[in-house]
C-alpha atoms as a PDB file:
ATOM      1  CA  MET A   1     -12.482-151.040-162.669  1.00  0.00           C
ATOM      2  CA  ALA A   2     -11.664-154.127-160.624  1.00  0.00           C
ATOM      3  CA  GLN A   3     -12.544-157.547-162.016  1.00  0.00           C
ATOM      4  CA  ILE A   4     -16.221-158.208-161.318  1.00  0.00           C
ATOM      5  CA  LYS A   5     -18.140-161.452-161.631  1.00  0.00           C
ATOM      6  CA  PHE A   6     -20.596-161.647-164.502  1.00  0.00           C
ATOM      7  CA  GLU A   7     -23.605-162.275-162.285  1.00  0.00           C
ATOM      8  CA  GLU A   8     -22.726-159.315-160.045  1.00  0.00           C
ATOM      9  CA  ALA A   9     -22.332-157.052-163.059  1.00  0.00           C
ATOM     10  CA  VAL A  10     -25.694-158.083-164.503  1.00  0.00           C
ATOM     11  CA  LYS A  11     -27.385-157.520-161.153  1.00  0.00           C
ATOM     12  CA  ARG A  12     -25.848-154.045-160.894  1.00  0.00           C
ATOM     13  CA  LEU A  13     -26.875-153.276-164.480  1.00  0.00           C
ATOM     14  CA  GLU A  14     -30.453-154.191-163.597  1.00  0.00           C
ATOM     15  CA  GLN A  15     -30.295-151.818-160.607  1.00  0.00           C
ATOM     16  CA  ILE A  16     -28.955-149.056-162.835  1.00  0.00           C
ATOM     17  CA  VAL A  17     -31.771-149.515-165.335  1.00  0.00           C
ATOM     18  CA  VAL A  18     -34.382-149.343-162.578  1.00  0.00           C
ATOM     19  CA  SER A  19     -32.859-146.203-161.089  1.00  0.00           C
ATOM     20  CA  LEU A  20     -32.633-144.484-164.483  1.00  0.00           C
ATOM     21  CA  GLU A  21     -36.188-145.475-165.413  1.00  0.00           C
ATOM     22  CA  LYS A  22     -37.547-143.976-162.197  1.00  0.00           C
ATOM     23  CA  GLY A  23     -36.242-140.596-163.304  1.00  0.00           C
ATOM     24  CA  ASN A  24     -35.500-139.425-159.760  1.00  0.00           C
ATOM     25  CA  LEU A  25     -31.810-138.746-160.369  1.00  0.00           C
ATOM     26  CA  SER A  26     -30.341-135.389-161.283  1.00  0.00           C
ATOM     27  CA  LEU A  27     -28.755-135.047-164.699  1.00  0.00           C
ATOM     28  CA  GLU A  28     -25.284-135.326-163.200  1.00  0.00           C
ATOM     29  CA  GLU A  29     -26.219-138.422-161.167  1.00  0.00           C
ATOM     30  CA  SER A  30     -27.904-139.967-164.209  1.00  0.00           C
ATOM     31  CA  LEU A  31     -24.768-139.460-166.310  1.00  0.00           C
ATOM     32  CA  LYS A  32     -22.572-140.943-163.594  1.00  0.00           C
ATOM     33  CA  VAL A  33     -24.800-144.018-163.248  1.00  0.00           C
ATOM     34  CA  PHE A  34     -25.125-144.364-167.026  1.00  0.00           C
ATOM     35  CA  GLU A  35     -21.332-144.253-167.374  1.00  0.00           C
ATOM     36  CA  GLU A  36     -21.041-147.007-164.754  1.00  0.00           C
ATOM     37  CA  GLY A  37     -23.564-149.040-166.742  1.00  0.00           C
ATOM     38  CA  VAL A  38     -21.590-148.657-169.960  1.00  0.00           C
ATOM     39  CA  LYS A  39     -18.426-149.860-168.222  1.00  0.00           C
ATOM     40  CA  LEU A  40     -20.269-152.819-166.707  1.00  0.00           C
ATOM     41  CA  SER A  41     -21.788-153.660-170.085  1.00  0.00           C
ATOM     42  CA  LYS A  42     -18.328-153.715-171.687  1.00  0.00           C
ATOM     43  CA  SER A  43     -17.061-155.944-168.877  1.00  0.00           C
ATOM     44  CA  CYS A  44     -19.963-158.348-169.415  1.00  0.00           C
ATOM     45  CA  LEU A  45     -19.320-158.473-173.155  1.00  0.00           C
ATOM     46  CA  LYS A  46     -15.651-159.251-172.546  1.00  0.00           C
ATOM     47  CA  ILE A  47     -16.526-162.008-170.071  1.00  0.00           C
ATOM     48  CA  LEU A  48     -18.989-163.516-172.564  1.00  0.00           C
ATOM     49  CA  ASP A  49     -16.460-163.266-175.398  1.00  0.00           C
ATOM     50  CA  ASP A  50     -13.783-164.955-173.286  1.00  0.00           C
ATOM     51  CA  SER A  51     -16.246-167.673-172.277  1.00  0.00           C
ATOM     52  CA  GLU A  52     -17.166-168.302-175.906  1.00  0.00           C
ATOM     53  CA  LYS A  53     -13.483-168.709-176.775  1.00  0.00           C
ATOM     54  CA  ARG A  54     -13.056-171.204-173.939  1.00  0.00           C
ATOM     55  CA  VAL A  55     -16.017-173.236-175.227  1.00  0.00           C
ATOM     56  CA  GLU A  56     -14.519-173.242-178.711  1.00  0.00           C
ATOM     57  CA  VAL A  57     -11.181-174.497-177.353  1.00  0.00           C
ATOM     58  CA  LEU A  58     -12.906-177.228-175.362  1.00  0.00           C
ATOM     59  CA  LEU A  59     -14.853-178.353-178.431  1.00  0.00           C
ATOM     60  CA  LYS A  60     -11.662-178.353-180.465  1.00  0.00           C
ATOM     61  CA  GLN A  61      -9.912-180.516-177.866  1.00  0.00           C
ATOM     62  CA  LYS A  62     -12.885-182.896-177.621  1.00  0.00           C
ATOM     63  CA  GLU A  63     -13.034-183.401-181.373  1.00  0.00           C
ATOM     64  CA  GLY A  64      -9.276-183.648-181.766  1.00  0.00           C
ATOM     65  CA  LYS A  65      -9.530-181.520-184.862  1.00  0.00           C
ATOM     66  CA  GLY A  66      -8.116-178.163-185.837  1.00  0.00           C
ATOM     67  CA  LYS A  67     -11.521-176.821-186.799  1.00  0.00           C
ATOM     68  CA  LEU A  68     -13.363-174.738-184.212  1.00  0.00           C
ATOM     69  CA  LYS A  69     -17.075-175.201-183.725  1.00  0.00           C
ATOM     70  CA  PRO A  70     -18.509-171.833-182.621  1.00  0.00           C
ATOM     71  CA  PHE A  71     -20.888-171.778-179.683  1.00  0.00           C
ATOM     72  CA  ARG A  72     -24.311-170.369-180.529  1.00  0.00           C
ATOM     73  CA  LEU A  73     -27.000-169.665-177.982  1.00  0.00           C
ATOM     74  CA  GLY A  74     -30.356-171.219-178.708  1.00  0.00           C
ATOM     75  CA  GLU A  75     -29.086-174.063-180.858  1.00  0.00           C
ATOM     76  CA  PRO A  76     -30.090-177.549-179.730  1.00  0.00           C
ATOM     77  CA  GLU A  77     -27.406-179.394-177.816  1.00  0.00           C
ATOM     78  CA  GLN A  78     -25.729-182.292-179.538  1.00  0.00           C
ATOM     79  CA  SER A  79     -25.383-185.475-177.559  1.00  0.00           C
ATOM     80  CA  VAL A  80     -21.839-186.295-176.594  1.00  0.00           C
ATOM     81  CA  GLN A  81     -20.770-189.905-176.709  1.00  0.00           C
ATOM     82  CA  GLU A  82     -18.331-190.791-173.968  1.00  0.00           C
ATOM     83  CA  GLY A  83     -15.401-193.048-174.551  1.00  0.00           C
ATOM     84  CA  THR A  84     -14.956-192.136-178.219  1.00  0.00           C
ATOM     85  CA  ASP A  85     -11.593-190.381-177.734  1.00  0.00           C
END
């Protein structure tokens, strides 16, 4: 599967869910679409994992420390003071 942008993959996944929920597809078509969805889901997870690693590297560089600070969704943002490098 060619490299796909995250937003495009999510949009296609939403289309797949709608089409499967309608129940108008044959079994063979449903399996084909479901398989596409699984592949897209794996691609999205890889993109998110890679993005998380990039955030961790950026935080490590900002802090100038060897300790990584993992990115967690939903946690309040910490204010960043500029000029403290």
